[in-house]
Amino acid sequence: LVQAGGSLRLSCAASGRAFSGYTMGWFRQAPGKEREFVATSGRF
């Protein structure tokens, strides 16, 4: 929980090898809404 104007840092830990070979993405979904693209970091 954060007030408007504030900041948060989210982290995601992945299992497996060759992590640099994954495209990684962040999505978000509010109740009753479709999953929404937020950001992506491509492989390599």
PDB file of all heavy atoms in Angstrom:
ATOM      1  N   LEU A   1       0.839  -1.188   0.000  1.00  0.00           N
ATOM      2  CA  LEU A   1       0.000   0.000   0.000  1.00  0.00           C
ATOM      3  C   LEU A   1       0.873   1.236   0.000  1.00  0.00           C
ATOM      4  O   LEU A   1       1.799   1.356   0.815  1.00  0.00           O
ATOM      5  CB  LEU A   1      -0.911  -0.005   1.229  1.00  0.00           C
ATOM      6  CG  LEU A   1      -1.788   1.223   1.453  1.00  0.00           C
ATOM      7  CD1 LEU A   1      -2.798   1.375   0.323  1.00  0.00           C
ATOM      8  CD2 LEU A   1      -2.490   1.120   2.796  1.00  0.00           C
ATOM      9  N   VAL A   2       0.582   2.161  -0.903  1.00  0.00           N
ATOM     10  CA  VAL A   2       1.361   3.383  -1.019  1.00  0.00           C
ATOM     11  C   VAL A   2       0.427   4.536  -1.372  1.00  0.00           C
ATOM     12  O   VAL A   2      -0.591   4.341  -2.044  1.00  0.00           O
ATOM     13  CB  VAL A   2       2.480   3.224  -2.077  1.00  0.00           C
ATOM     14  CG1 VAL A   2       1.888   2.999  -3.465  1.00  0.00           C
ATOM     15  CG2 VAL A   2       3.418   4.418  -2.080  1.00  0.00           C
ATOM     16  N   GLN A   3       0.763   5.727  -0.913  1.00  0.00           N
ATOM     17  CA  GLN A   3      -0.021   6.905  -1.248  1.00  0.00           C
ATOM     18  C   GLN A   3       0.312   7.399  -2.649  1.00  0.00           C
ATOM     19  O   GLN A   3       1.394   7.154  -3.172  1.00  0.00           O
ATOM     20  CB  GLN A   3       0.241   8.025  -0.239  1.00  0.00           C
ATOM     21  CG  GLN A   3      -0.329   7.764   1.139  1.00  0.00           C
ATOM     22  CD  GLN A   3      -0.168   8.952   2.065  1.00  0.00           C
ATOM     23  OE1 GLN A   3       0.843   9.639   2.040  1.00  0.00           O
ATOM     24  NE2 GLN A   3      -1.179   9.195   2.882  1.00  0.00           N
ATOM     25  N   ALA A   4      -0.644   8.089  -3.250  1.00  0.00           N
ATOM     26  CA  ALA A   4      -0.419   8.677  -4.561  1.00  0.00           C
ATOM     27  C   ALA A   4       0.825   9.556  -4.547  1.00  0.00           C
ATOM     28  O   ALA A   4       1.056  10.314  -3.603  1.00  0.00           O
ATOM     29  CB  ALA A   4      -1.633   9.485  -4.994  1.00  0.00           C
ATOM     30  N   GLY A   5       1.620   9.425  -5.599  1.00  0.00           N
ATOM     31  CA  GLY A   5       2.876  10.137  -5.687  1.00  0.00           C
ATOM     32  C   GLY A   5       4.065   9.373  -5.153  1.00  0.00           C
ATOM     33  O   GLY A   5       5.207   9.782  -5.375  1.00  0.00           O
ATOM     34  N   GLY A   6       3.803   8.273  -4.482  1.00  0.00           N
ATOM     35  CA  GLY A   6       4.863   7.471  -3.907  1.00  0.00           C
ATOM     36  C   GLY A   6       5.461   6.485  -4.884  1.00  0.00           C
ATOM     37  O   GLY A   6       5.118   6.461  -6.068  1.00  0.00           O
ATOM     38  N   SER A   7       6.349   5.646  -4.365  1.00  0.00           N
ATOM     39  CA  SER A   7       7.083   4.692  -5.188  1.00  0.00           C
ATOM     40  C   SER A   7       7.076   3.308  -4.568  1.00  0.00           C
ATOM     41  O   SER A   7       6.988   3.153  -3.358  1.00  0.00           O
ATOM     42  CB  SER A   7       8.539   5.143  -5.368  1.00  0.00           C
ATOM     43  OG  SER A   7       8.629   6.392  -6.013  1.00  0.00           O
ATOM     44  N   LEU A   8       7.184   2.308  -5.424  1.00  0.00           N
ATOM     45  CA  LEU A   8       7.372   0.925  -5.028  1.00  0.00           C
ATOM     46  C   LEU A   8       8.305   0.258  -6.019  1.00  0.00           C
ATOM     47  O   LEU A   8       8.360   0.656  -7.178  1.00  0.00           O
ATOM     48  CB  LEU A   8       6.052   0.154  -4.998  1.00  0.00           C
ATOM     49  CG  LEU A   8       5.110   0.344  -3.820  1.00  0.00           C
ATOM     50  CD1 LEU A   8       3.807  -0.417  -4.067  1.00  0.00           C
ATOM     51  CD2 LEU A   8       5.756  -0.129  -2.521  1.00  0.00           C
ATOM     52  N   ARG A   9       9.006  -0.754  -5.554  1.00  0.00           N
ATOM     53  CA  ARG A   9       9.857  -1.548  -6.419  1.00  0.00           C
ATOM     54  C   ARG A   9       9.434  -3.011  -6.316  1.00  0.00           C
ATOM     55  O   ARG A   9       9.482  -3.595  -5.232  1.00  0.00           O
ATOM     56  CB  ARG A   9      11.330  -1.406  -6.039  1.00  0.00           C
ATOM     57  CG  ARG A   9      12.279  -2.127  -6.992  1.00  0.00           C
ATOM     58  CD  ARG A   9      13.732  -1.883  -6.611  1.00  0.00           C
ATOM     59  NE  ARG A   9      14.664  -2.548  -7.520  1.00  0.00           N
ATOM     60  CZ  ARG A   9      15.116  -2.026  -8.651  1.00  0.00           C
ATOM     61  NH1 ARG A   9      14.723  -0.806  -9.026  1.00  0.00           N
ATOM     62  NH2 ARG A   9      15.963  -2.699  -9.414  1.00  0.00           N
ATOM     63  N   LEU A  10       9.015  -3.571  -7.434  1.00  0.00           N
ATOM     64  CA  LEU A  10       8.617  -4.963  -7.500  1.00  0.00           C
ATOM     65  C   LEU A  10       9.767  -5.808  -8.020  1.00  0.00           C
ATOM     66  O   LEU A  10      10.541  -5.353  -8.853  1.00  0.00           O
ATOM     67  CB  LEU A  10       7.400  -5.144  -8.417  1.00  0.00           C
ATOM     68  CG  LEU A  10       6.184  -4.268  -8.141  1.00  0.00           C
ATOM     69  CD1 LEU A  10       5.064  -4.619  -9.109  1.00  0.00           C
ATOM     70  CD2 LEU A  10       5.726  -4.414  -6.695  1.00  0.00           C
ATOM     71  N   SER A  11       9.854  -7.035  -7.536  1.00  0.00           N
ATOM     72  CA  SER A  11      10.880  -7.953  -7.993  1.00  0.00           C
ATOM     73  C   SER A  11      10.247  -9.272  -8.400  1.00  0.00           C
ATOM     74  O   SER A  11       9.200  -9.662  -7.893  1.00  0.00           O
ATOM     75  CB  SER A  11      11.925  -8.198  -6.900  1.00  0.00           C
ATOM     76  OG  SER A  11      12.634  -7.019  -6.598  1.00  0.00           O
ATOM     77  N   CYS A  12      10.907  -9.951  -9.317  1.00  0.00           N
ATOM     78  CA  CYS A  12      10.458 -11.255  -9.792  1.00  0.00           C
ATOM     79  C   CYS A  12      11.666 -12.164  -9.874  1.00  0.00           C
ATOM     80  O   CYS A  12      12.637 -11.845 -10.570  1.00  0.00           O
ATOM     81  CB  CYS A  12       9.781 -11.119 -11.156  1.00  0.00           C
ATOM     82  SG  CYS A  12       9.348 -12.683 -11.945  1.00  0.00           S
ATOM     83  N   ALA A  13      11.602 -13.275  -9.168  1.00  0.00           N
ATOM     84  CA  ALA A  13      12.667 -14.264  -9.186  1.00  0.00           C
ATOM     85  C   ALA A  13      12.245 -15.450 -10.041  1.00  0.00           C
ATOM     86  O   ALA A  13      11.152 -15.985  -9.875  1.00  0.00           O
ATOM     87  CB  ALA A  13      12.997 -14.723  -7.771  1.00  0.00           C
ATOM     88  N   ALA A  14      13.115 -15.852 -10.946  1.00  0.00           N
ATOM     89  CA  ALA A  14      12.825 -16.938 -11.879  1.00  0.00           C
ATOM     90  C   ALA A  14      13.728 -18.125 -11.615  1.00  0.00           C
ATOM     91  O   ALA A  14      14.912 -17.967 -11.308  1.00  0.00           O
ATOM     92  CB  ALA A  14      12.990 -16.469 -13.318  1.00  0.00           C
ATOM     93  N   SER A  15      13.166 -19.300 -11.755  1.00  0.00           N
ATOM     94  CA  SER A  15      13.954 -20.525 -11.680  1.00  0.00           C
ATOM     95  C   SER A  15      14.511 -20.856 -13.055  1.00  0.00           C
ATOM     96  O   SER A  15      14.117 -20.273 -14.066  1.00  0.00           O
ATOM     97  CB  SER A  15      13.095 -21.679 -11.168  1.00  0.00           C
ATOM     98  OG  SER A  15      12.078 -22.011 -12.101  1.00  0.00           O
ATOM     99  N   GLY A  16      15.432 -21.801 -13.095  1.00  0.00           N
ATOM    100  CA  GLY A  16      15.936 -22.291 -14.359  1.00  0.00           C
ATOM    101  C   GLY A  16      17.203 -21.606 -14.833  1.00  0.00           C
ATOM    102  O   GLY A  16      17.645 -20.603 -14.270  1.00  0.00           O
ATOM    103  N   ARG A  17      17.751 -22.159 -15.880  1.00  0.00           N
ATOM    104  CA  ARG A  17      18.973 -21.670 -16.485  1.00  0.00           C
ATOM    105  C   ARG A  17      18.689 -20.749 -17.665  1.00  0.00           C
ATOM    106  O   ARG A  17      17.541 -20.599 -18.092  1.00  0.00           O
ATOM    107  CB  ARG A  17      19.818 -22.857 -16.956  1.00  0.00           C
ATOM    108  CG  ARG A  17      20.155 -23.865 -15.869  1.00  0.00           C
ATOM    109  CD  ARG A  17      21.363 -23.434 -15.090  1.00  0.00           C
ATOM    110  NE  ARG A  17      22.563 -23.485 -15.917  1.00  0.00           N
ATOM    111  CZ  ARG A  17      23.772 -23.106 -15.501  1.00  0.00           C
ATOM    112  NH1 ARG A  17      23.941 -22.647 -14.275  1.00  0.00           N
ATOM    113  NH2 ARG A  17      24.804 -23.195 -16.327  1.00  0.00           N
ATOM    114  N   ALA A  18      19.725 -20.147 -18.191  1.00  0.00           N
ATOM    115  CA  ALA A  18      19.654 -19.314 -19.395  1.00  0.00           C
ATOM    116  C   ALA A  18      18.624 -18.200 -19.271  1.00  0.00           C
ATOM    117  O   ALA A  18      17.837 -17.955 -20.188  1.00  0.00           O
ATOM    118  CB  ALA A  18      19.364 -20.178 -20.624  1.00  0.00           C
ATOM    119  N   PHE A  19      18.644 -17.495 -18.148  1.00  0.00           N
ATOM    120  CA  PHE A  19      17.698 -16.416 -17.920  1.00  0.00           C
ATOM    121  C   PHE A  19      17.806 -15.327 -18.971  1.00  0.00           C
ATOM    122  O   PHE A  19      16.800 -14.717 -19.339  1.00  0.00           O
ATOM    123  CB  PHE A  19      17.904 -15.839 -16.517  1.00  0.00           C
ATOM    124  CG  PHE A  19      16.940 -14.764 -16.155  1.00  0.00           C
ATOM    125  CD1 PHE A  19      15.627 -15.061 -15.847  1.00  0.00           C
ATOM    126  CD2 PHE A  19      17.346 -13.439 -16.118  1.00  0.00           C
ATOM    127  CE1 PHE A  19      14.727 -14.074 -15.501  1.00  0.00           C
ATOM    128  CE2 PHE A  19      16.454 -12.438 -15.768  1.00  0.00           C
ATOM    129  CZ  PHE A  19      15.148 -12.757 -15.466  1.00  0.00           C
ATOM    130  N   SER A  20      19.018 -15.058 -19.460  1.00  0.00           N
ATOM    131  CA  SER A  20      19.192 -14.019 -20.465  1.00  0.00           C
ATOM    132  C   SER A  20      18.465 -14.330 -21.760  1.00  0.00           C
ATOM    133  O   SER A  20      18.247 -13.439 -22.582  1.00  0.00           O
ATOM    134  CB  SER A  20      20.684 -13.794 -20.754  1.00  0.00           C
ATOM    135  OG  SER A  20      21.282 -14.960 -21.305  1.00  0.00           O
ATOM    136  N   GLY A  21      18.086 -15.566 -21.963  1.00  0.00           N
ATOM    137  CA  GLY A  21      17.359 -15.971 -23.153  1.00  0.00           C
ATOM    138  C   GLY A  21      15.859 -15.751 -23.081  1.00  0.00           C
ATOM    139  O   GLY A  21      15.160 -15.999 -24.061  1.00  0.00           O
ATOM    140  N   TYR A  22      15.352 -15.328 -21.928  1.00  0.00           N
ATOM    141  CA  TYR A  22      13.931 -15.037 -21.773  1.00  0.00           C
ATOM    142  C   TYR A  22      13.635 -13.583 -22.111  1.00  0.00           C
ATOM    143  O   TYR A  22      14.400 -12.679 -21.770  1.00  0.00           O
ATOM    144  CB  TYR A  22      13.471 -15.240 -20.324  1.00  0.00           C
ATOM    145  CG  TYR A  22      13.422 -16.656 -19.815  1.00  0.00           C
ATOM    146  CD1 TYR A  22      14.356 -17.102 -18.890  1.00  0.00           C
ATOM    147  CD2 TYR A  22      12.414 -17.524 -20.212  1.00  0.00           C
ATOM    148  CE1 TYR A  22      14.294 -18.385 -18.382  1.00  0.00           C
ATOM    149  CE2 TYR A  22      12.348 -18.809 -19.711  1.00  0.00           C
ATOM    150  CZ  TYR A  22      13.294 -19.232 -18.792  1.00  0.00           C
ATOM    151  OH  TYR A  22      13.222 -20.508 -18.286  1.00  0.00           O
ATOM    152  N   THR A  23      12.511 -13.350 -22.760  1.00  0.00           N
ATOM    153  CA  THR A  23      11.864 -12.054 -22.699  1.00  0.00           C
ATOM    154  C   THR A  23      11.044 -12.010 -21.417  1.00  0.00           C
ATOM    155  O   THR A  23      10.289 -12.941 -21.132  1.00  0.00           O
ATOM    156  CB  THR A  23      10.961 -11.835 -23.920  1.00  0.00           C
ATOM    157  OG1 THR A  23      11.776 -11.575 -25.070  1.00  0.00           O
ATOM    158  CG2 THR A  23      10.021 -10.659 -23.711  1.00  0.00           C
ATOM    159  N   MET A  24      11.204 -10.953 -20.638  1.00  0.00           N
ATOM    160  CA  MET A  24      10.496 -10.809 -19.374  1.00  0.00           C
ATOM    161  C   MET A  24       9.502  -9.661 -19.474  1.00  0.00           C
ATOM    162  O   MET A  24       9.812  -8.608 -20.055  1.00  0.00           O
ATOM    163  CB  MET A  24      11.468 -10.557 -18.231  1.00  0.00           C
ATOM    164  CG  MET A  24      12.497 -11.655 -18.032  1.00  0.00           C
ATOM    165  SD  MET A  24      11.757 -13.257 -17.622  1.00  0.00           S
ATOM    166  CE  MET A  24      10.951 -12.859 -16.052  1.00  0.00           C
ATOM    167  N   GLY A  25       8.335  -9.858 -18.902  1.00  0.00           N
ATOM    168  CA  GLY A  25       7.314  -8.840 -18.951  1.00  0.00           C
ATOM    169  C   GLY A  25       6.622  -8.650 -17.623  1.00  0.00           C
ATOM    170  O   GLY A  25       6.583  -9.557 -16.786  1.00  0.00           O
ATOM    171  N   TRP A  26       6.089  -7.463 -17.436  1.00  0.00           N
ATOM    172  CA  TRP A  26       5.218  -7.151 -16.313  1.00  0.00           C
ATOM    173  C   TRP A  26       3.843  -6.791 -16.851  1.00  0.00           C
ATOM    174  O   TRP A  26       3.717  -5.988 -17.792  1.00  0.00           O
ATOM    175  CB  TRP A  26       5.754  -5.984 -15.481  1.00  0.00           C
ATOM    176  CG  TRP A  26       6.919  -6.329 -14.602  1.00  0.00           C
ATOM    177  CD1 TRP A  26       8.224  -6.125 -14.854  1.00  0.00           C
ATOM    178  CD2 TRP A  26       6.844  -6.935 -13.312  1.00  0.00           C
ATOM    179  NE1 TRP A  26       8.993  -6.562 -13.803  1.00  0.00           N
ATOM    180  CE2 TRP A  26       8.168  -7.065 -12.842  1.00  0.00           C
ATOM    181  CE3 TRP A  26       5.797  -7.379 -12.495  1.00  0.00           C
ATOM    182  CZ2 TRP A  26       8.475  -7.624 -11.599  1.00  0.00           C
ATOM    183  CZ3 TRP A  26       6.091  -7.939 -11.265  1.00  0.00           C
ATOM    184  CH2 TRP A  26       7.420  -8.051 -10.824  1.00  0.00           C
ATOM    185  N   PHE A  27       2.829  -7.381 -16.260  1.00  0.00           N
ATOM    186  CA  PHE A  27       1.441  -7.094 -16.573  1.00  0.00           C
ATOM    187  C   PHE A  27       0.712  -6.758 -15.284  1.00  0.00           C
ATOM    188  O   PHE A  27       1.211  -7.024 -14.191  1.00  0.00           O
ATOM    189  CB  PHE A  27       0.776  -8.287 -17.258  1.00  0.00           C
ATOM    190  CG  PHE A  27       1.313  -8.586 -18.630  1.00  0.00           C
ATOM    191  CD1 PHE A  27       2.521  -9.240 -18.795  1.00  0.00           C
ATOM    192  CD2 PHE A  27       0.609  -8.204 -19.759  1.00  0.00           C
ATOM    193  CE1 PHE A  27       3.024  -9.519 -20.048  1.00  0.00           C
ATOM    194  CE2 PHE A  27       1.093  -8.479 -21.028  1.00  0.00           C
ATOM    195  CZ  PHE A  27       2.307  -9.130 -21.176  1.00  0.00           C
ATOM    196  N   ARG A  28      -0.461  -6.179 -15.415  1.00  0.00           N
ATOM    197  CA  ARG A  28      -1.262  -5.903 -14.230  1.00  0.00           C
ATOM    198  C   ARG A  28      -2.725  -6.163 -14.535  1.00  0.00           C
ATOM    199  O   ARG A  28      -3.169  -6.081 -15.671  1.00  0.00           O
ATOM    200  CB  ARG A  28      -1.062  -4.468 -13.735  1.00  0.00           C
ATOM    201  CG  ARG A  28      -1.517  -3.378 -14.697  1.00  0.00           C
ATOM    202  CD  ARG A  28      -1.076  -2.017 -14.186  1.00  0.00           C
ATOM    203  NE  ARG A  28      -1.551  -0.929 -15.021  1.00  0.00           N
ATOM    204  CZ  ARG A  28      -1.205   0.341 -14.862  1.00  0.00           C
ATOM    205  NH1 ARG A  28      -0.375   0.684 -13.875  1.00  0.00           N
ATOM    206  NH2 ARG A  28      -1.687   1.275 -15.680  1.00  0.00           N
ATOM    207  N   GLN A  29      -3.464  -6.480 -13.486  1.00  0.00           N
ATOM    208  CA  GLN A  29      -4.869  -6.797 -13.638  1.00  0.00           C
ATOM    209  C   GLN A  29      -5.636  -6.323 -12.413  1.00  0.00           C
ATOM    210  O   GLN A  29      -5.349  -6.745 -11.296  1.00  0.00           O
ATOM    211  CB  GLN A  29      -5.071  -8.298 -13.835  1.00  0.00           C
ATOM    212  CG  GLN A  29      -6.485  -8.684 -14.210  1.00  0.00           C
ATOM    213  CD  GLN A  29      -6.572 -10.096 -14.742  1.00  0.00           C
ATOM    214  OE1 GLN A  29      -5.700 -10.925 -14.499  1.00  0.00           O
ATOM    215  NE2 GLN A  29      -7.629 -10.379 -15.484  1.00  0.00           N
ATOM    216  N   ALA A  30      -6.590  -5.443 -12.649  1.00  0.00           N
ATOM    217  CA  ALA A  30      -7.480  -4.976 -11.607  1.00  0.00           C
ATOM    218  C   ALA A  30      -8.747  -5.828 -11.620  1.00  0.00           C
ATOM    219  O   ALA A  30      -9.095  -6.417 -12.646  1.00  0.00           O
ATOM    220  CB  ALA A  30      -7.824  -3.505 -11.815  1.00  0.00           C
ATOM    221  N   PRO A  31      -9.460  -5.915 -10.504  1.00  0.00           N
ATOM    222  CA  PRO A  31     -10.688  -6.715 -10.463  1.00  0.00           C
ATOM    223  C   PRO A  31     -11.678  -6.308 -11.541  1.00  0.00           C
ATOM    224  O   PRO A  31     -11.975  -5.126 -11.714  1.00  0.00           O
ATOM    225  CB  PRO A  31     -11.240  -6.431  -9.066  1.00  0.00           C
ATOM    226  CG  PRO A  31     -10.040  -6.086  -8.253  1.00  0.00           C
ATOM    227  CD  PRO A  31      -9.143  -5.331  -9.191  1.00  0.00           C
ATOM    228  N   GLY A  32     -12.166  -7.291 -12.285  1.00  0.00           N
ATOM    229  CA  GLY A  32     -13.135  -7.036 -13.327  1.00  0.00           C
ATOM    230  C   GLY A  32     -12.567  -6.483 -14.612  1.00  0.00           C
ATOM    231  O   GLY A  32     -13.332  -6.187 -15.534  1.00  0.00           O
ATOM    232  N   LYS A  33     -11.248  -6.344 -14.708  1.00  0.00           N
ATOM    233  CA  LYS A  33     -10.622  -5.793 -15.897  1.00  0.00           C
ATOM    234  C   LYS A  33      -9.720  -6.830 -16.555  1.00  0.00           C
ATOM    235  O   LYS A  33      -9.303  -7.802 -15.934  1.00  0.00           O
ATOM    236  CB  LYS A  33      -9.811  -4.541 -15.557  1.00  0.00           C
ATOM    237  CG  LYS A  33     -10.643  -3.382 -15.026  1.00  0.00           C
ATOM    238  CD  LYS A  33      -9.785  -2.156 -14.794  1.00  0.00           C
ATOM    239  CE  LYS A  33     -10.603  -0.989 -14.283  1.00  0.00           C
ATOM    240  NZ  LYS A  33      -9.754   0.211 -14.041  1.00  0.00           N
ATOM    241  N   GLU A  34      -9.421  -6.583 -17.822  1.00  0.00           N
ATOM    242  CA  GLU A  34      -8.529  -7.465 -18.556  1.00  0.00           C
ATOM    243  C   GLU A  34      -7.086  -7.261 -18.114  1.00  0.00           C
ATOM    244  O   GLU A  34      -6.713  -6.207 -17.591  1.00  0.00           O
ATOM    245  CB  GLU A  34      -8.647  -7.214 -20.058  1.00  0.00           C
ATOM    246  CG  GLU A  34      -9.995  -7.552 -20.653  1.00  0.00           C
ATOM    247  CD  GLU A  34     -10.036  -7.352 -22.149  1.00  0.00           C
ATOM    248  OE1 GLU A  34      -9.053  -6.827 -22.710  1.00  0.00           O
ATOM    249  OE2 GLU A  34     -11.044  -7.727 -22.766  1.00  0.00           O
ATOM    250  N   ARG A  35      -6.293  -8.284 -18.332  1.00  0.00           N
ATOM    251  CA  ARG A  35      -4.874  -8.179 -18.055  1.00  0.00           C
ATOM    252  C   ARG A  35      -4.247  -7.145 -18.985  1.00  0.00           C
ATOM    253  O   ARG A  35      -4.459  -7.168 -20.194  1.00  0.00           O
ATOM    254  CB  ARG A  35      -4.211  -9.545 -18.231  1.00  0.00           C
ATOM    255  CG  ARG A  35      -2.768  -9.610 -17.773  1.00  0.00           C
ATOM    256  CD  ARG A  35      -2.344 -11.063 -17.595  1.00  0.00           C
ATOM    257  NE  ARG A  35      -3.097 -11.711 -16.532  1.00  0.00           N
ATOM    258  CZ  ARG A  35      -2.952 -12.980 -16.176  1.00  0.00           C
ATOM    259  NH1 ARG A  35      -2.067 -13.751 -16.802  1.00  0.00           N
ATOM    260  NH2 ARG A  35      -3.690 -13.490 -15.199  1.00  0.00           N
ATOM    261  N   GLU A  36      -3.464  -6.255 -18.423  1.00  0.00           N
ATOM    262  CA  GLU A  36      -2.927  -5.108 -19.134  1.00  0.00           C
ATOM    263  C   GLU A  36      -1.408  -5.153 -19.166  1.00  0.00           C
ATOM    264  O   GLU A  36      -0.754  -5.351 -18.141  1.00  0.00           O
ATOM    265  CB  GLU A  36      -3.403  -3.812 -18.460  1.00  0.00           C
ATOM    266  CG  GLU A  36      -2.843  -2.532 -19.063  1.00  0.00           C
ATOM    267  CD  GLU A  36      -3.200  -1.314 -18.248  1.00  0.00           C
ATOM    268  OE1 GLU A  36      -3.582  -1.473 -17.068  1.00  0.00           O
ATOM    269  OE2 GLU A  36      -3.103  -0.191 -18.788  1.00  0.00           O
ATOM    270  N   PHE A  37      -0.848  -4.930 -20.327  1.00  0.00           N
ATOM    271  CA  PHE A  37       0.598  -4.859 -20.472  1.00  0.00           C
ATOM    272  C   PHE A  37       1.149  -3.631 -19.764  1.00  0.00           C
ATOM    273  O   PHE A  37       0.558  -2.552 -19.824  1.00  0.00           O
ATOM    274  CB  PHE A  37       0.977  -4.810 -21.954  1.00  0.00           C
ATOM    275  CG  PHE A  37       2.395  -4.406 -22.191  1.00  0.00           C
ATOM    276  CD1 PHE A  37       3.433  -5.287 -21.956  1.00  0.00           C
ATOM    277  CD2 PHE A  37       2.698  -3.131 -22.636  1.00  0.00           C
ATOM    278  CE1 PHE A  37       4.753  -4.916 -22.164  1.00  0.00           C
ATOM    279  CE2 PHE A  37       4.004  -2.744 -22.848  1.00  0.00           C
ATOM    280  CZ  PHE A  37       5.033  -3.649 -22.612  1.00  0.00           C
ATOM    281  N   VAL A  38       2.293  -3.795 -19.112  1.00  0.00           N
ATOM    282  CA  VAL A  38       2.945  -2.701 -18.405  1.00  0.00           C
ATOM    283  C   VAL A  38       4.328  -2.420 -18.984  1.00  0.00           C
ATOM    284  O   VAL A  38       4.620  -1.299 -19.407  1.00  0.00           O
ATOM    285  CB  VAL A  38       3.060  -2.996 -16.899  1.00  0.00           C
ATOM    286  CG1 VAL A  38       3.845  -1.895 -16.193  1.00  0.00           C
ATOM    287  CG2 VAL A  38       1.672  -3.137 -16.284  1.00  0.00           C
ATOM    288  N   ALA A  39       5.195  -3.422 -18.999  1.00  0.00           N
ATOM    289  CA  ALA A  39       6.562  -3.229 -19.450  1.00  0.00           C
ATOM    290  C   ALA A  39       7.162  -4.565 -19.836  1.00  0.00           C
ATOM    291  O   ALA A  39       6.751  -5.614 -19.339  1.00  0.00           O
ATOM    292  CB  ALA A  39       7.417  -2.570 -18.362  1.00  0.00           C
ATOM    293  N   THR A  40       8.152  -4.533 -20.714  1.00  0.00           N
ATOM    294  CA  THR A  40       8.834  -5.753 -21.113  1.00  0.00           C
ATOM    295  C   THR A  40      10.306  -5.476 -21.367  1.00  0.00           C
ATOM    296  O   THR A  40      10.680  -4.387 -21.822  1.00  0.00           O
ATOM    297  CB  THR A  40       8.181  -6.387 -22.358  1.00  0.00           C
ATOM    298  OG1 THR A  40       8.850  -7.610 -22.690  1.00  0.00           O
ATOM    299  CG2 THR A  40       8.243  -5.447 -23.556  1.00  0.00           C
ATOM    300  N   SER A  41      11.128  -6.461 -21.074  1.00  0.00           N
ATOM    301  CA  SER A  41      12.561  -6.422 -21.316  1.00  0.00           C
ATOM    302  C   SER A  41      12.923  -7.622 -22.166  1.00  0.00           C
ATOM    303  O   SER A  41      12.787  -8.762 -21.729  1.00  0.00           O
ATOM    304  CB  SER A  41      13.328  -6.440 -19.990  1.00  0.00           C
ATOM    305  OG  SER A  41      14.725  -6.485 -20.200  1.00  0.00           O
ATOM    306  N   GLY A  42      13.377  -7.375 -23.373  1.00  0.00           N
ATOM    307  CA  GLY A  42      13.625  -8.440 -24.330  1.00  0.00           C
ATOM    308  C   GLY A  42      14.850  -9.270 -24.002  1.00  0.00           C
ATOM    309  O   GLY A  42      15.725  -8.867 -23.228  1.00  0.00           O
ATOM    310  N   ARG A  43      14.904 -10.429 -24.617  1.00  0.00           N
ATOM    311  CA  ARG A  43      16.020 -11.341 -24.401  1.00  0.00           C
ATOM    312  C   ARG A  43      17.296 -10.810 -25.044  1.00  0.00           C
ATOM    313  O   ARG A  43      17.251 -10.017 -26.001  1.00  0.00           O
ATOM    314  CB  ARG A  43      15.672 -12.717 -24.977  1.00  0.00           C
ATOM    315  CG  ARG A  43      15.367 -12.704 -26.465  1.00  0.00           C
ATOM    316  CD  ARG A  43      14.886 -14.048 -26.947  1.00  0.00           C
ATOM    317  NE  ARG A  43      14.621 -14.041 -28.380  1.00  0.00           N
ATOM    318  CZ  ARG A  43      14.214 -15.078 -29.085  1.00  0.00           C
ATOM    319  NH1 ARG A  43      14.013 -16.239 -28.473  1.00  0.00           N
ATOM    320  NH2 ARG A  43      14.000 -14.975 -30.382  1.00  0.00           N
ATOM    321  N   PHE A  44      18.404 -11.236 -24.506  1.00  0.00           N
ATOM    322  CA  PHE A  44      19.724 -10.932 -25.062  1.00  0.00           C
ATOM    323  C   PHE A  44      19.956  -9.432 -25.252  1.00  0.00           C
ATOM    324  O   PHE A  44      20.492  -8.999 -26.274  1.00  0.00           O
ATOM    325  CB  PHE A  44      19.935 -11.684 -26.373  1.00  0.00           C
ATOM    326  CG  PHE A  44      19.745 -13.167 -26.270  1.00  0.00           C
ATOM    327  CD1 PHE A  44      18.827 -13.823 -27.070  1.00  0.00           C
ATOM    328  CD2 PHE A  44      20.481 -13.907 -25.358  1.00  0.00           C
ATOM    329  CE1 PHE A  44      18.656 -15.194 -26.981  1.00  0.00           C
ATOM    330  CE2 PHE A  44      20.310 -15.278 -25.253  1.00  0.00           C
ATOM    331  CZ  PHE A  44      19.402 -15.920 -26.066  1.00  0.00           C
TER     332      PHE A  44
END
